[in-house]
């Protein structure tokens, strides 16, 4: 009897401890807690962290993540307003702001992701269909992303979630279109380069022609100036020679004969057939150059006695 009583008491105590252990649950700082009784929500979701009580074996707790969650979107092809097929890659970040509505509509994060992907894809097609490739890439990208985020948030509110960030990570032409665009760009660049080369060659010809005209003018002016200077020099030389001849005709005659000897009797190329008694060699026989031709200038003639 005592052993049966102890066994029953032990069972009761164990059941009580088990029930007590199942009467409390902990809500983490990163969680929302939803308490259900036979599948029906019996109280408001719990968002504050701490230790809470529930009725054991009757109530159960469903935990919903409070943190920001990732939503990776598959690449999709969208037609822009300028009739360009674009491969668009995007991502979103969201958090559960209404855990009860979230639980009642989608229950799990994978289900929520599926619904949100459809919302984002529909918004992407709607917004990009009214934008050009230039707006998506350069001018209005931020405004368009904000517009997509606002449209998705209006739909996401029905699921109890909020989109906190949505970004277009890549907006590109499809591979075949890229090759066509690159080929067209290469052709345009080649044509532009050819035009620049032709313009440069034309300018080079013009500059060379102008430079040639200036060279001709400069050379003509230089030749004219040189002739003037040469003529002035010759005039000065002749004047000096004339003045020297007037002062001492004998020395001038001697000097000019020496120059003639130097020019006409160069080594290796002189051939002369001339009488040694010619006037050309008068200074060879007589330094005064008279050669019996009479008295030297300024000297009296010899008397007849």
C-alpha atoms as a PDB file:
ATOM      1  CA  UNK A   1       0.000   0.000   0.000  1.00  0.00           C
ATOM      2  CA  UNK A   2       2.764   2.396   0.869  1.00  0.00           C
ATOM      3  CA  UNK A   3       4.647   1.623  -2.348  1.00  0.00           C
ATOM      4  CA  UNK A   4       1.495   2.190  -4.443  1.00  0.00           C
ATOM      5  CA  UNK A   5       0.879   5.468  -2.659  1.00  0.00           C
ATOM      6  CA  UNK A   6       4.431   6.621  -3.252  1.00  0.00           C
ATOM      7  CA  UNK A   7       4.210   5.699  -6.930  1.00  0.00           C
ATOM      8  CA  UNK A   8       0.942   7.597  -7.336  1.00  0.00           C
ATOM      9  CA  UNK A   9       2.367  10.576  -5.469  1.00  0.00           C
ATOM     10  CA  UNK A  10       5.455  10.537  -7.658  1.00  0.00           C
ATOM     11  CA  UNK A  11       3.326  10.459 -10.764  1.00  0.00           C
ATOM     12  CA  UNK A  12       1.225  13.364  -9.489  1.00  0.00           C
ATOM     13  CA  UNK A  13       4.312  15.388  -8.600  1.00  0.00           C
ATOM     14  CA  UNK A  14       5.910  14.666 -11.982  1.00  0.00           C
ATOM     15  CA  UNK A  15       2.726  15.653 -13.776  1.00  0.00           C
ATOM     16  CA  UNK A  16       2.519  18.828 -11.726  1.00  0.00           C
ATOM     17  CA  UNK A  17       6.138  19.715 -12.522  1.00  0.00           C
ATOM     18  CA  UNK A  18       5.577  18.980 -16.182  1.00  0.00           C
ATOM     19  CA  UNK A  19       2.439  21.107 -16.224  1.00  0.00           C
ATOM     20  CA  UNK A  20       4.271  23.886 -14.387  1.00  0.00           C
ATOM     21  CA  UNK A  21       7.138  23.732 -16.880  1.00  0.00           C
ATOM     22  CA  UNK A  22       4.642  24.055 -19.721  1.00  0.00           C
ATOM     23  CA  UNK A  23       2.872  26.959 -18.045  1.00  0.00           C
ATOM     24  CA  UNK A  24       5.630  29.497 -18.818  1.00  0.00           C
ATOM     25  CA  UNK A  25       7.284  30.655 -21.993  1.00  0.00           C
ATOM     26  CA  UNK A  26       9.994  33.164 -22.794  1.00  0.00           C
ATOM     27  CA  UNK A  27       9.700  35.873 -25.437  1.00  0.00           C
ATOM     28  CA  UNK A  28      13.088  36.916 -26.855  1.00  0.00           C
ATOM     29  CA  UNK A  29      13.906  40.490 -27.852  1.00  0.00           C
ATOM     30  CA  UNK A  30      13.876  39.427 -31.520  1.00  0.00           C
ATOM     31  CA  UNK A  31      10.433  37.793 -31.381  1.00  0.00           C
ATOM     32  CA  UNK A  32       6.711  38.396 -31.380  1.00  0.00           C
ATOM     33  CA  UNK A  33       4.640  35.734 -29.532  1.00  0.00           C
ATOM     34  CA  UNK A  34       1.096  34.746 -30.471  1.00  0.00           C
ATOM     35  CA  UNK A  35      -0.842  32.651 -27.932  1.00  0.00           C
ATOM     36  CA  UNK A  36      -3.482  30.265 -29.322  1.00  0.00           C
ATOM     37  CA  UNK A  37      -6.118  28.193 -27.552  1.00  0.00           C
ATOM     38  CA  UNK A  38      -7.304  25.306 -29.669  1.00  0.00           C
ATOM     39  CA  UNK A  39      -6.146  27.194 -32.794  1.00  0.00           C
ATOM     40  CA  UNK A  40      -7.859  30.432 -31.831  1.00  0.00           C
ATOM     41  CA  UNK A  41      -5.884  33.532 -30.778  1.00  0.00           C
ATOM     42  CA  UNK A  42      -6.878  34.383 -27.218  1.00  0.00           C
ATOM     43  CA  UNK A  43      -4.880  37.576 -26.554  1.00  0.00           C
ATOM     44  CA  UNK A  44      -2.965  40.335 -28.248  1.00  0.00           C
ATOM     45  CA  UNK A  45       0.453  39.370 -29.629  1.00  0.00           C
ATOM     46  CA  UNK A  46       3.285  39.831 -27.156  1.00  0.00           C
ATOM     47  CA  UNK A  47       6.196  41.962 -28.428  1.00  0.00           C
ATOM     48  CA  UNK A  48       7.985  42.827 -25.203  1.00  0.00           C
ATOM     49  CA  UNK A  49      10.699  40.358 -24.115  1.00  0.00           C
ATOM     50  CA  UNK A  50      10.196  38.488 -20.824  1.00  0.00           C
ATOM     51  CA  UNK A  51       8.683  35.477 -19.051  1.00  0.00           C
ATOM     52  CA  UNK A  52       4.946  34.870 -19.611  1.00  0.00           C
ATOM     53  CA  UNK A  53       2.266  32.415 -18.427  1.00  0.00           C
ATOM     54  CA  UNK A  54       0.028  30.196 -20.536  1.00  0.00           C
ATOM     55  CA  UNK A  55      -2.469  27.491 -19.768  1.00  0.00           C
ATOM     56  CA  UNK A  56      -0.579  24.200 -20.147  1.00  0.00           C
ATOM     57  CA  UNK A  57      -1.751  21.671 -22.722  1.00  0.00           C
ATOM     58  CA  UNK A  58      -4.515  24.063 -23.833  1.00  0.00           C
ATOM     59  CA  UNK A  59      -2.644  27.087 -25.120  1.00  0.00           C
ATOM     60  CA  UNK A  60       0.323  27.022 -27.421  1.00  0.00           C
ATOM     61  CA  UNK A  61       2.682  29.795 -28.537  1.00  0.00           C
ATOM     62  CA  UNK A  62       3.636  30.711 -32.115  1.00  0.00           C
ATOM     63  CA  UNK A  63       6.794  32.785 -32.488  1.00  0.00           C
ATOM     64  CA  UNK A  64       7.139  35.386 -35.254  1.00  0.00           C
ATOM     65  CA  UNK A  65      10.498  36.994 -36.101  1.00  0.00           C
ATOM     66  CA  UNK A  66      10.764  40.679 -35.233  1.00  0.00           C
ATOM     67  CA  UNK A  67      14.039  41.331 -37.098  1.00  0.00           C
ATOM     68  CA  UNK A  68      14.455  42.773 -40.593  1.00  0.00           C
ATOM     69  CA  UNK A  69      14.147  39.954 -43.124  1.00  0.00           C
ATOM     70  CA  UNK A  70      15.685  39.577 -46.579  1.00  0.00           C
ATOM     71  CA  UNK A  71      13.744  39.190 -49.792  1.00  0.00           C
ATOM     72  CA  UNK A  72      15.830  38.154 -52.785  1.00  0.00           C
ATOM     73  CA  UNK A  73      14.039  38.613 -56.083  1.00  0.00           C
ATOM     74  CA  UNK A  74      14.715  36.580 -59.222  1.00  0.00           C
ATOM     75  CA  UNK A  75      15.948  38.417 -62.311  1.00  0.00           C
ATOM     76  CA  UNK A  76      13.065  39.307 -64.587  1.00  0.00           C
ATOM     77  CA  UNK A  77      12.812  40.872 -68.037  1.00  0.00           C
ATOM     78  CA  UNK A  78      10.809  44.110 -68.145  1.00  0.00           C
ATOM     79  CA  UNK A  79       9.897  46.280 -71.133  1.00  0.00           C
ATOM     80  CA  UNK A  80      10.650  50.002 -70.688  1.00  0.00           C
ATOM     81  CA  UNK A  81       8.720  52.884 -72.204  1.00  0.00           C
ATOM     82  CA  UNK A  82      11.354  53.298 -74.945  1.00  0.00           C
ATOM     83  CA  UNK A  83      10.749  49.666 -75.983  1.00  0.00           C
ATOM     84  CA  UNK A  84      13.913  48.270 -74.419  1.00  0.00           C
ATOM     85  CA  UNK A  85      13.865  44.800 -72.885  1.00  0.00           C
ATOM     86  CA  UNK A  86      15.712  45.097 -69.564  1.00  0.00           C
ATOM     87  CA  UNK A  87      16.977  42.442 -67.161  1.00  0.00           C
ATOM     88  CA  UNK A  88      16.145  43.803 -63.706  1.00  0.00           C
ATOM     89  CA  UNK A  89      17.635  42.403 -60.502  1.00  0.00           C
ATOM     90  CA  UNK A  90      16.374  43.759 -57.183  1.00  0.00           C
ATOM     91  CA  UNK A  91      16.223  42.979 -53.483  1.00  0.00           C
ATOM     92  CA  UNK A  92      14.061  44.120 -50.582  1.00  0.00           C
ATOM     93  CA  UNK A  93      14.234  44.247 -46.786  1.00  0.00           C
ATOM     94  CA  UNK A  94      11.098  44.021 -44.680  1.00  0.00           C
ATOM     95  CA  UNK A  95       9.932  43.464 -41.134  1.00  0.00           C
ATOM     96  CA  UNK A  96       6.749  42.123 -39.550  1.00  0.00           C
ATOM     97  CA  UNK A  97       4.920  45.064 -37.970  1.00  0.00           C
ATOM     98  CA  UNK A  98       1.524  43.393 -37.339  1.00  0.00           C
ATOM     99  CA  UNK A  99       2.235  39.855 -36.161  1.00  0.00           C
ATOM    100  CA  UNK A 100      -1.423  38.898 -35.730  1.00  0.00           C
ATOM    101  CA  UNK A 101      -2.351  39.937 -39.276  1.00  0.00           C
ATOM    102  CA  UNK A 102       0.815  38.266 -40.560  1.00  0.00           C
ATOM    103  CA  UNK A 103      -0.106  35.017 -38.811  1.00  0.00           C
ATOM    104  CA  UNK A 104      -3.695  35.140 -39.993  1.00  0.00           C
ATOM    105  CA  UNK A 105      -2.815  35.829 -43.660  1.00  0.00           C
ATOM    106  CA  UNK A 106       0.421  33.993 -44.467  1.00  0.00           C
ATOM    107  CA  UNK A 107       1.489  32.313 -41.168  1.00  0.00           C
ATOM    108  CA  UNK A 108       5.107  31.677 -42.242  1.00  0.00           C
ATOM    109  CA  UNK A 109       7.992  33.695 -43.675  1.00  0.00           C
ATOM    110  CA  UNK A 110       8.304  31.544 -46.866  1.00  0.00           C
ATOM    111  CA  UNK A 111       4.637  32.173 -47.638  1.00  0.00           C
ATOM    112  CA  UNK A 112       5.157  35.892 -47.025  1.00  0.00           C
ATOM    113  CA  UNK A 113       8.175  35.909 -49.338  1.00  0.00           C
ATOM    114  CA  UNK A 114       6.150  34.336 -52.117  1.00  0.00           C
ATOM    115  CA  UNK A 115       3.422  36.971 -51.812  1.00  0.00           C
ATOM    116  CA  UNK A 116       5.896  39.834 -51.572  1.00  0.00           C
ATOM    117  CA  UNK A 117       7.776  38.670 -54.672  1.00  0.00           C
ATOM    118  CA  UNK A 118       4.554  38.845 -56.667  1.00  0.00           C
ATOM    119  CA  UNK A 119       3.860  42.350 -55.301  1.00  0.00           C
ATOM    120  CA  UNK A 120       7.363  43.587 -56.170  1.00  0.00           C
ATOM    121  CA  UNK A 121       7.335  42.059 -59.657  1.00  0.00           C
ATOM    122  CA  UNK A 122       3.989  43.648 -60.454  1.00  0.00           C
ATOM    123  CA  UNK A 123       5.184  47.044 -59.210  1.00  0.00           C
ATOM    124  CA  UNK A 124       8.463  46.757 -61.132  1.00  0.00           C
ATOM    125  CA  UNK A 125       6.631  46.106 -64.375  1.00  0.00           C
ATOM    126  CA  UNK A 126       4.199  48.940 -63.722  1.00  0.00           C
ATOM    127  CA  UNK A 127       6.847  51.561 -62.867  1.00  0.00           C
ATOM    128  CA  UNK A 128       9.507  50.545 -65.394  1.00  0.00           C
ATOM    129  CA  UNK A 129       6.911  50.463 -68.171  1.00  0.00           C
ATOM    130  CA  UNK A 130       6.609  54.240 -67.712  1.00  0.00           C
ATOM    131  CA  UNK A 131      10.350  54.987 -67.568  1.00  0.00           C
ATOM    132  CA  UNK A 132      13.147  55.092 -70.111  1.00  0.00           C
ATOM    133  CA  UNK A 133      16.483  53.290 -69.926  1.00  0.00           C
ATOM    134  CA  UNK A 134      18.260  56.584 -69.261  1.00  0.00           C
ATOM    135  CA  UNK A 135      15.953  57.354 -66.323  1.00  0.00           C
ATOM    136  CA  UNK A 136      16.492  53.899 -64.817  1.00  0.00           C
ATOM    137  CA  UNK A 137      20.260  54.047 -65.113  1.00  0.00           C
ATOM    138  CA  UNK A 138      21.129  57.695 -64.510  1.00  0.00           C
ATOM    139  CA  UNK A 139      18.564  60.406 -63.878  1.00  0.00           C
ATOM    140  CA  UNK A 140      15.557  59.093 -61.904  1.00  0.00           C
ATOM    141  CA  UNK A 141      16.697  55.803 -60.402  1.00  0.00           C
ATOM    142  CA  UNK A 142      16.194  56.841 -56.740  1.00  0.00           C
ATOM    143  CA  UNK A 143      12.753  58.303 -57.420  1.00  0.00           C
ATOM    144  CA  UNK A 144      11.652  55.181 -59.282  1.00  0.00           C
ATOM    145  CA  UNK A 145      12.883  52.883 -56.479  1.00  0.00           C
ATOM    146  CA  UNK A 146      10.993  54.962 -53.900  1.00  0.00           C
ATOM    147  CA  UNK A 147       7.871  54.763 -56.019  1.00  0.00           C
ATOM    148  CA  UNK A 148       8.161  50.962 -56.292  1.00  0.00           C
ATOM    149  CA  UNK A 149       8.667  50.722 -52.530  1.00  0.00           C
ATOM    150  CA  UNK A 150       5.556  52.832 -51.855  1.00  0.00           C
ATOM    151  CA  UNK A 151       3.413  50.711 -54.169  1.00  0.00           C
ATOM    152  CA  UNK A 152       4.665  47.463 -52.633  1.00  0.00           C
ATOM    153  CA  UNK A 153       4.087  48.788 -49.112  1.00  0.00           C
ATOM    154  CA  UNK A 154       0.433  49.457 -49.897  1.00  0.00           C
ATOM    155  CA  UNK A 155       0.048  45.788 -50.801  1.00  0.00           C
ATOM    156  CA  UNK A 156       2.332  44.503 -48.037  1.00  0.00           C
ATOM    157  CA  UNK A 157       0.214  46.193 -45.333  1.00  0.00           C
ATOM    158  CA  UNK A 158      -2.463  43.577 -45.966  1.00  0.00           C
ATOM    159  CA  UNK A 159       0.086  40.946 -44.872  1.00  0.00           C
ATOM    160  CA  UNK A 160       1.123  42.812 -41.725  1.00  0.00           C
ATOM    161  CA  UNK A 161       4.630  43.602 -43.007  1.00  0.00           C
ATOM    162  CA  UNK A 162       6.477  46.797 -43.982  1.00  0.00           C
ATOM    163  CA  UNK A 163       9.092  47.178 -46.718  1.00  0.00           C
ATOM    164  CA  UNK A 164      11.960  49.154 -45.170  1.00  0.00           C
ATOM    165  CA  UNK A 165      14.231  49.149 -48.218  1.00  0.00           C
ATOM    166  CA  UNK A 166      13.987  48.206 -51.874  1.00  0.00           C
ATOM    167  CA  UNK A 167      16.854  48.539 -54.353  1.00  0.00           C
ATOM    168  CA  UNK A 168      17.460  47.839 -58.006  1.00  0.00           C
ATOM    169  CA  UNK A 169      20.872  46.168 -57.969  1.00  0.00           C
ATOM    170  CA  UNK A 170      21.172  45.735 -61.729  1.00  0.00           C
ATOM    171  CA  UNK A 171      19.365  47.104 -64.754  1.00  0.00           C
ATOM    172  CA  UNK A 172      20.943  45.742 -67.925  1.00  0.00           C
ATOM    173  CA  UNK A 173      20.035  44.934 -71.468  1.00  0.00           C
ATOM    174  CA  UNK A 174      19.753  41.215 -72.274  1.00  0.00           C
ATOM    175  CA  UNK A 175      22.941  39.648 -73.604  1.00  0.00           C
ATOM    176  CA  UNK A 176      21.888  39.714 -77.267  1.00  0.00           C
ATOM    177  CA  UNK A 177      20.751  43.328 -76.977  1.00  0.00           C
ATOM    178  CA  UNK A 178      24.012  44.258 -75.225  1.00  0.00           C
ATOM    179  CA  UNK A 179      26.037  42.898 -78.119  1.00  0.00           C
ATOM    180  CA  UNK A 180      23.910  44.824 -80.625  1.00  0.00           C
ATOM    181  CA  UNK A 181      24.227  48.013 -78.595  1.00  0.00           C
ATOM    182  CA  UNK A 182      27.984  47.558 -78.182  1.00  0.00           C
ATOM    183  CA  UNK A 183      28.370  46.993 -81.929  1.00  0.00           C
ATOM    184  CA  UNK A 184      26.345  50.116 -82.666  1.00  0.00           C
ATOM    185  CA  UNK A 185      28.392  52.108 -80.144  1.00  0.00           C
ATOM    186  CA  UNK A 186      31.626  50.855 -81.713  1.00  0.00           C
ATOM    187  CA  UNK A 187      30.384  51.876 -85.174  1.00  0.00           C
ATOM    188  CA  UNK A 188      29.415  55.315 -83.889  1.00  0.00           C
ATOM    189  CA  UNK A 189      32.775  55.759 -82.167  1.00  0.00           C
ATOM    190  CA  UNK A 190      34.629  54.692 -85.343  1.00  0.00           C
ATOM    191  CA  UNK A 191      32.578  57.153 -87.398  1.00  0.00           C
ATOM    192  CA  UNK A 192      33.244  59.893 -84.870  1.00  0.00           C
ATOM    193  CA  UNK A 193      36.965  59.085 -84.892  1.00  0.00           C
ATOM    194  CA  UNK A 194      37.019  59.180 -88.717  1.00  0.00           C
ATOM    195  CA  UNK A 195      35.264  62.564 -88.686  1.00  0.00           C
ATOM    196  CA  UNK A 196      37.755  63.893 -86.160  1.00  0.00           C
ATOM    197  CA  UNK A 197      40.680  62.605 -88.222  1.00  0.00           C
ATOM    198  CA  UNK A 198      39.265  64.188 -91.399  1.00  0.00           C
ATOM    199  CA  UNK A 199      38.748  67.495 -89.615  1.00  0.00           C
ATOM    200  CA  UNK A 200      42.262  67.290 -88.183  1.00  0.00           C
ATOM    201  CA  UNK A 201      43.766  66.545 -91.598  1.00  0.00           C
ATOM    202  CA  UNK A 202      41.881  69.463 -93.129  1.00  0.00           C
ATOM    203  CA  UNK A 203      43.105  71.791 -90.408  1.00  0.00           C
ATOM    204  CA  UNK A 204      46.647  70.429 -90.809  1.00  0.00           C
ATOM    205  CA  UNK A 205      46.590  71.146 -94.571  1.00  0.00           C
ATOM    206  CA  UNK A 206      45.303  74.670 -93.920  1.00  0.00           C
ATOM    207  CA  UNK A 207      47.974  75.310 -91.283  1.00  0.00           C
ATOM    208  CA  UNK A 208      50.735  73.924 -93.516  1.00  0.00           C
ATOM    209  CA  UNK A 209      49.582  76.054 -96.479  1.00  0.00           C
ATOM    210  CA  UNK A 210      49.500  79.145 -94.274  1.00  0.00           C
ATOM    211  CA  UNK A 211      52.946  78.295 -92.904  1.00  0.00           C
ATOM    212  CA  UNK A 212      54.316  77.747 -96.442  1.00  0.00           C
ATOM    213  CA  UNK A 213      52.962  81.147 -97.531  1.00  0.00           C
ATOM    214  CA  UNK A 214      54.504  82.767 -94.494  1.00  0.00           C
ATOM    215  CA  UNK A 215      57.842  81.005 -95.209  1.00  0.00           C
ATOM    216  CA  UNK A 216      57.816  82.262 -98.808  1.00  0.00           C
ATOM    217  CA  UNK A 217      57.052  85.770 -97.617  1.00  0.00           C
ATOM    218  CA  UNK A 218      59.711  85.654 -94.919  1.00  0.00           C
ATOM    219  CA  UNK A 219      62.340  84.314 -97.358  1.00  0.00           C
ATOM    220  CA  UNK A 220      61.433  86.913 -99.967  1.00  0.00           C
ATOM    221  CA  UNK A 221      61.692  89.688 -97.405  1.00  0.00           C
ATOM    222  CA  UNK A 222      64.969  88.227 -96.117  1.00  0.00           C
ATOM    223  CA  UNK A 223      66.383  88.001 -99.684  1.00  0.00           C
ATOM    224  CA  UNK A 224      65.296  91.556-100.427  1.00  0.00           C
ATOM    225  CA  UNK A 225      66.864  92.789 -97.225  1.00  0.00           C
ATOM    226  CA  UNK A 226      70.024  90.786 -97.859  1.00  0.00           C
ATOM    227  CA  UNK A 227      70.320  92.228-101.385  1.00  0.00           C
ATOM    228  CA  UNK A 228      69.860  95.698-100.006  1.00  0.00           C
ATOM    229  CA  UNK A 229      72.534  95.082 -97.380  1.00  0.00           C
ATOM    230  CA  UNK A 230      74.819  93.458 -99.956  1.00  0.00           C
ATOM    231  CA  UNK A 231      74.344  96.387-102.329  1.00  0.00           C
ATOM    232  CA  UNK A 232      75.012  98.839 -99.541  1.00  0.00           C
ATOM    233  CA  UNK A 233      78.114  96.841 -98.577  1.00  0.00           C
ATOM    234  CA  UNK A 234      79.336  96.774-102.190  1.00  0.00           C
ATOM    235  CA  UNK A 235      78.761 100.491-102.458  1.00  0.00           C
ATOM    236  CA  UNK A 236      80.676 101.083 -99.231  1.00  0.00           C
ATOM    237  CA  UNK A 237      83.448  98.797-100.470  1.00  0.00           C
ATOM    238  CA  UNK A 238      83.680 100.556-103.835  1.00  0.00           C
ATOM    239  CA  UNK A 239      83.616 103.902-102.118  1.00  0.00           C
ATOM    240  CA  UNK A 240      86.424 102.825 -99.782  1.00  0.00           C
ATOM    241  CA  UNK A 241      88.400 101.407-102.723  1.00  0.00           C
ATOM    242  CA  UNK A 242      87.842 104.610-104.679  1.00  0.00           C
ATOM    243  CA  UNK A 243      88.947 106.718-101.756  1.00  0.00           C
ATOM    244  CA  UNK A 244      92.007 104.486-101.292  1.00  0.00           C
ATOM    245  CA  UNK A 245      92.805 104.650-105.028  1.00  0.00           C
ATOM    246  CA  UNK A 246      92.585 108.388-104.921  1.00  0.00           C
ATOM    247  CA  UNK A 247      94.933 108.600-101.995  1.00  0.00           C
ATOM    248  CA  UNK A 248      97.608 106.164-103.274  1.00  0.00           C
ATOM    249  CA  UNK A 249      97.037 104.837-106.807  1.00  0.00           C
ATOM    250  CA  UNK A 250     100.308 102.938-106.780  1.00  0.00           C
ATOM    251  CA  UNK A 251      99.490 100.940-103.659  1.00  0.00           C
ATOM    252  CA  UNK A 252      95.973 100.298-104.903  1.00  0.00           C
ATOM    253  CA  UNK A 253      97.324  98.968-108.197  1.00  0.00           C
ATOM    254  CA  UNK A 254      99.790  96.788-106.350  1.00  0.00           C
ATOM    255  CA  UNK A 255      97.066  95.444-103.989  1.00  0.00           C
ATOM    256  CA  UNK A 256      94.712  94.570-106.817  1.00  0.00           C
ATOM    257  CA  UNK A 257      97.518  92.826-108.723  1.00  0.00           C
ATOM    258  CA  UNK A 258      98.337  90.725-105.663  1.00  0.00           C
ATOM    259  CA  UNK A 259      94.664  89.704-105.422  1.00  0.00           C
ATOM    260  CA  UNK A 260      94.707  88.785-109.099  1.00  0.00           C
ATOM    261  CA  UNK A 261      97.841  86.682-108.632  1.00  0.00           C
ATOM    262  CA  UNK A 262      96.233  84.871-105.671  1.00  0.00           C
ATOM    263  CA  UNK A 263      93.026  84.109-107.539  1.00  0.00           C
ATOM    264  CA  UNK A 264      94.662  83.073-110.834  1.00  0.00           C
ATOM    265  CA  UNK A 265      97.573  81.018-109.555  1.00  0.00           C
ATOM    266  CA  UNK A 266      95.973  78.580-107.188  1.00  0.00           C
ATOM    267  CA  UNK A 267      97.794  75.313-106.621  1.00  0.00           C
ATOM    268  CA  UNK A 268      96.828  72.403-108.865  1.00  0.00           C
ATOM    269  CA  UNK A 269      94.384  74.129-111.215  1.00  0.00           C
ATOM    270  CA  UNK A 270      96.391  76.906-112.957  1.00  0.00           C
ATOM    271  CA  UNK A 271      97.062  76.785-116.734  1.00  0.00           C
ATOM    272  CA  UNK A 272      98.175  80.096-118.261  1.00  0.00           C
ATOM    273  CA  UNK A 273      99.561  80.902-121.717  1.00  0.00           C
ATOM    274  CA  UNK A 274     100.776  84.490-121.518  1.00  0.00           C
ATOM    275  CA  UNK A 275     103.917  86.431-122.249  1.00  0.00           C
ATOM    276  CA  UNK A 276     106.117  86.919-119.200  1.00  0.00           C
ATOM    277  CA  UNK A 277     106.668  90.477-120.345  1.00  0.00           C
ATOM    278  CA  UNK A 278     102.947  91.257-120.309  1.00  0.00           C
ATOM    279  CA  UNK A 279     101.584  93.981-118.142  1.00  0.00           C
ATOM    280  CA  UNK A 280      99.971  91.333-115.888  1.00  0.00           C
ATOM    281  CA  UNK A 281     103.437  90.363-114.574  1.00  0.00           C
ATOM    282  CA  UNK A 282     104.822  93.879-114.268  1.00  0.00           C
ATOM    283  CA  UNK A 283     105.313  93.560-110.520  1.00  0.00           C
ATOM    284  CA  UNK A 284     107.420  90.395-110.948  1.00  0.00           C
ATOM    285  CA  UNK A 285     110.322  92.241-112.595  1.00  0.00           C
ATOM    286  CA  UNK A 286     109.971  95.584-110.870  1.00  0.00           C
ATOM    287  CA  UNK A 287     108.291  96.002-107.458  1.00  0.00           C
ATOM    288  CA  UNK A 288     107.280  99.461-108.561  1.00  0.00           C
ATOM    289  CA  UNK A 289     105.434  97.936-111.537  1.00  0.00           C
ATOM    290  CA  UNK A 290     106.936 100.353-114.084  1.00  0.00           C
ATOM    291  CA  UNK A 291     108.904  97.852-116.264  1.00  0.00           C
ATOM    292  CA  UNK A 292     110.510 100.688-118.219  1.00  0.00           C
ATOM    293  CA  UNK A 293     107.170 102.348-118.797  1.00  0.00           C
ATOM    294  CA  UNK A 294     108.363 105.713-117.542  1.00  0.00           C
ATOM    295  CA  UNK A 295     108.846 107.315-114.203  1.00  0.00           C
ATOM    296  CA  UNK A 296     106.758 106.331-111.273  1.00  0.00           C
ATOM    297  CA  UNK A 297     103.842 108.611-110.499  1.00  0.00           C
ATOM    298  CA  UNK A 298     105.025 111.670-108.679  1.00  0.00           C
ATOM    299  CA  UNK A 299     108.705 111.208-109.786  1.00  0.00           C
ATOM    300  CA  UNK A 300     110.451 113.553-112.240  1.00  0.00           C
ATOM    301  CA  UNK A 301     111.420 112.178-115.613  1.00  0.00           C
ATOM    302  CA  UNK A 302     115.188 111.542-116.077  1.00  0.00           C
ATOM    303  CA  UNK A 303     117.084 114.331-117.860  1.00  0.00           C
ATOM    304  CA  UNK A 304     118.642 113.924-121.266  1.00  0.00           C
ATOM    305  CA  UNK A 305     122.239 114.733-120.058  1.00  0.00           C
END
